N, C-alpha and C. Protein backbone atom coordinates (compact mmCIF):
# COMPACT_ATOMS: atom_id res chain seq x y z
N LYS A 1 -102.43 89.27 305.90
CA LYS A 1 -101.15 88.69 305.54
C LYS A 1 -100.24 88.68 306.76
N GLN A 2 -99.58 87.58 307.01
CA GLN A 2 -98.69 87.45 308.16
C GLN A 2 -97.30 87.95 307.77
N GLN A 3 -96.69 88.73 308.66
CA GLN A 3 -95.36 89.28 308.44
C GLN A 3 -94.39 88.67 309.44
N SER A 4 -93.12 88.70 309.10
CA SER A 4 -92.11 88.26 310.05
C SER A 4 -90.98 89.29 310.07
N GLY A 5 -90.14 89.23 311.08
CA GLY A 5 -89.03 90.17 311.21
C GLY A 5 -89.29 91.13 312.35
N LYS A 6 -88.60 92.24 312.33
CA LYS A 6 -88.76 93.25 313.37
C LYS A 6 -90.12 93.90 313.24
N PRO A 7 -90.84 94.10 314.34
CA PRO A 7 -92.21 94.62 314.27
C PRO A 7 -92.35 95.95 313.53
N GLY A 8 -91.48 96.92 313.82
CA GLY A 8 -91.58 98.22 313.16
C GLY A 8 -91.40 98.11 311.66
N GLU A 9 -90.41 97.33 311.23
CA GLU A 9 -90.16 97.13 309.80
C GLU A 9 -91.35 96.44 309.14
N ALA A 10 -91.91 95.44 309.81
CA ALA A 10 -93.04 94.70 309.26
C ALA A 10 -94.28 95.59 309.13
N ILE A 11 -94.50 96.45 310.12
CA ILE A 11 -95.65 97.38 310.06
C ILE A 11 -95.51 98.32 308.87
N LEU A 12 -94.31 98.90 308.70
CA LEU A 12 -94.10 99.84 307.60
C LEU A 12 -94.18 99.15 306.25
N GLU A 13 -93.66 97.93 306.15
CA GLU A 13 -93.75 97.18 304.90
C GLU A 13 -95.21 96.88 304.55
N GLY A 14 -95.97 96.44 305.55
CA GLY A 14 -97.39 96.14 305.33
C GLY A 14 -98.18 97.39 304.96
N ALA A 15 -97.86 98.51 305.61
CA ALA A 15 -98.54 99.77 305.32
C ALA A 15 -98.25 100.22 303.90
N ARG A 16 -97.01 100.06 303.47
CA ARG A 16 -96.64 100.44 302.10
C ARG A 16 -97.36 99.55 301.08
N GLU A 17 -97.40 98.25 301.34
CA GLU A 17 -98.08 97.31 300.43
C GLU A 17 -99.57 97.63 300.31
N GLU A 18 -100.17 98.08 301.42
CA GLU A 18 -101.60 98.39 301.42
C GLU A 18 -101.91 99.80 300.92
N GLY A 19 -100.87 100.60 300.71
CA GLY A 19 -101.08 101.97 300.24
C GLY A 19 -101.60 102.90 301.32
N ALA A 20 -101.17 102.66 302.55
CA ALA A 20 -101.63 103.49 303.68
C ALA A 20 -101.22 104.94 303.49
N THR A 21 -102.08 105.85 303.91
CA THR A 21 -101.77 107.26 303.86
C THR A 21 -101.50 107.83 305.25
N MET A 22 -101.74 107.01 306.29
CA MET A 22 -101.48 107.42 307.66
C MET A 22 -101.44 106.17 308.54
N LEU A 23 -100.56 106.18 309.54
CA LEU A 23 -100.49 105.10 310.51
C LEU A 23 -101.00 105.61 311.85
N VAL A 24 -101.80 104.80 312.53
CA VAL A 24 -102.28 105.11 313.87
C VAL A 24 -101.80 103.97 314.76
N LEU A 25 -100.95 104.30 315.73
CA LEU A 25 -100.35 103.30 316.60
C LEU A 25 -100.65 103.62 318.05
N GLY A 26 -100.60 102.61 318.88
CA GLY A 26 -100.72 102.80 320.32
C GLY A 26 -99.35 102.73 320.96
N THR A 27 -99.27 103.11 322.21
CA THR A 27 -98.02 103.03 322.96
C THR A 27 -98.30 102.49 324.35
N ARG A 28 -97.32 101.80 324.91
CA ARG A 28 -97.47 101.28 326.27
C ARG A 28 -97.02 102.29 327.30
N GLY A 29 -96.47 103.41 326.85
CA GLY A 29 -96.06 104.47 327.76
C GLY A 29 -94.80 104.17 328.55
N MET A 30 -93.82 103.51 327.93
CA MET A 30 -92.55 103.24 328.61
C MET A 30 -91.84 104.56 328.87
N GLY A 31 -91.04 104.61 329.91
CA GLY A 31 -90.26 105.80 330.22
C GLY A 31 -89.12 105.98 329.22
N LYS A 32 -88.50 107.14 329.24
CA LYS A 32 -87.44 107.45 328.29
C LYS A 32 -86.26 106.50 328.40
N VAL A 33 -85.84 106.17 329.61
CA VAL A 33 -84.69 105.30 329.79
C VAL A 33 -84.98 103.90 329.25
N ARG A 34 -86.12 103.36 329.63
CA ARG A 34 -86.49 102.02 329.18
C ARG A 34 -86.64 101.97 327.66
N ARG A 35 -87.27 103.00 327.09
CA ARG A 35 -87.45 103.05 325.63
C ARG A 35 -86.10 103.15 324.92
N THR A 36 -85.14 103.86 325.51
CA THR A 36 -83.82 104.01 324.92
C THR A 36 -83.11 102.67 324.82
N PHE A 37 -83.22 101.85 325.84
CA PHE A 37 -82.53 100.56 325.84
C PHE A 37 -83.29 99.46 325.11
N LEU A 38 -84.59 99.45 325.24
CA LEU A 38 -85.39 98.39 324.64
C LEU A 38 -85.89 98.74 323.24
N GLY A 39 -85.95 100.02 322.93
CA GLY A 39 -86.52 100.42 321.66
C GLY A 39 -88.04 100.47 321.76
N SER A 40 -88.65 101.05 320.76
CA SER A 40 -90.10 101.19 320.74
C SER A 40 -90.57 101.07 319.31
N VAL A 41 -91.59 100.28 319.09
CA VAL A 41 -92.14 100.12 317.74
C VAL A 41 -92.69 101.45 317.24
N SER A 42 -93.44 102.15 318.08
CA SER A 42 -94.00 103.42 317.65
C SER A 42 -92.90 104.44 317.37
N ASP A 43 -91.85 104.45 318.18
CA ASP A 43 -90.72 105.36 317.97
C ASP A 43 -90.03 105.05 316.64
N TYR A 44 -89.84 103.77 316.35
CA TYR A 44 -89.23 103.36 315.08
C TYR A 44 -90.08 103.85 313.91
N CYS A 45 -91.38 103.65 314.00
CA CYS A 45 -92.28 104.04 312.91
C CYS A 45 -92.30 105.55 312.72
N ILE A 46 -92.26 106.31 313.80
CA ILE A 46 -92.23 107.76 313.69
C ILE A 46 -91.02 108.21 312.88
N HIS A 47 -89.88 107.60 313.13
CA HIS A 47 -88.64 108.03 312.50
C HIS A 47 -88.39 107.45 311.11
N HIS A 48 -89.10 106.38 310.74
CA HIS A 48 -88.83 105.73 309.46
C HIS A 48 -90.02 105.68 308.50
N ALA A 49 -91.17 106.17 308.91
CA ALA A 49 -92.38 106.05 308.09
C ALA A 49 -92.34 106.98 306.88
N PHE A 50 -93.02 106.57 305.85
CA PHE A 50 -93.15 107.32 304.60
C PHE A 50 -94.41 108.20 304.61
N CYS A 51 -95.22 108.05 305.66
CA CYS A 51 -96.47 108.79 305.77
C CYS A 51 -96.61 109.30 307.21
N PRO A 52 -97.58 110.17 307.48
CA PRO A 52 -97.78 110.66 308.86
C PRO A 52 -98.11 109.52 309.83
N VAL A 53 -97.66 109.68 311.07
CA VAL A 53 -97.89 108.69 312.12
C VAL A 53 -98.54 109.38 313.32
N LEU A 54 -99.65 108.83 313.80
CA LEU A 54 -100.33 109.31 314.99
C LEU A 54 -100.16 108.26 316.07
N VAL A 55 -99.57 108.65 317.21
CA VAL A 55 -99.37 107.72 318.32
C VAL A 55 -100.32 108.10 319.44
N CYS A 56 -101.15 107.14 319.85
CA CYS A 56 -102.15 107.37 320.89
C CYS A 56 -101.70 106.73 322.19
N ARG A 57 -101.75 107.49 323.25
CA ARG A 57 -101.42 106.97 324.57
C ARG A 57 -102.71 106.67 325.31
N HIS A 58 -102.76 105.51 325.94
CA HIS A 58 -103.94 105.10 326.70
C HIS A 58 -103.77 105.53 328.15
N LYS A 59 -104.75 106.27 328.64
CA LYS A 59 -104.75 106.62 330.06
C LYS A 59 -105.79 105.75 330.76
N PRO A 60 -105.39 105.09 331.84
CA PRO A 60 -106.35 104.24 332.56
C PRO A 60 -107.56 105.05 333.04
N ILE A 61 -108.72 104.43 332.97
CA ILE A 61 -109.94 105.07 333.44
C ILE A 61 -110.06 104.83 334.94
N LYS A 62 -110.25 105.90 335.69
CA LYS A 62 -110.44 105.77 337.14
C LYS A 62 -111.93 105.84 337.43
N HIS A 63 -112.45 104.77 337.99
CA HIS A 63 -113.87 104.70 338.31
C HIS A 63 -114.14 105.32 339.68
N LYS A 64 -115.21 106.09 339.76
CA LYS A 64 -115.61 106.67 341.05
C LYS A 64 -116.41 105.63 341.82
N LYS A 65 -116.22 105.62 343.12
CA LYS A 65 -116.95 104.65 343.96
C LYS A 65 -118.18 105.27 344.54
């Protein structure tokens, strides 16, 4: 189902409609200052979710030569 509106609100609405018991989200790893001004979908979901939220941070893989 396609949602519209603010991403965080749409994620939580969709999760509620589907009966989710946990949300697993990724993060782009923005700094505190940038996140404060721009906002963060994962941050919004952490503070407004009706169920537990797990936020996964991606660390780049460094290949050995």
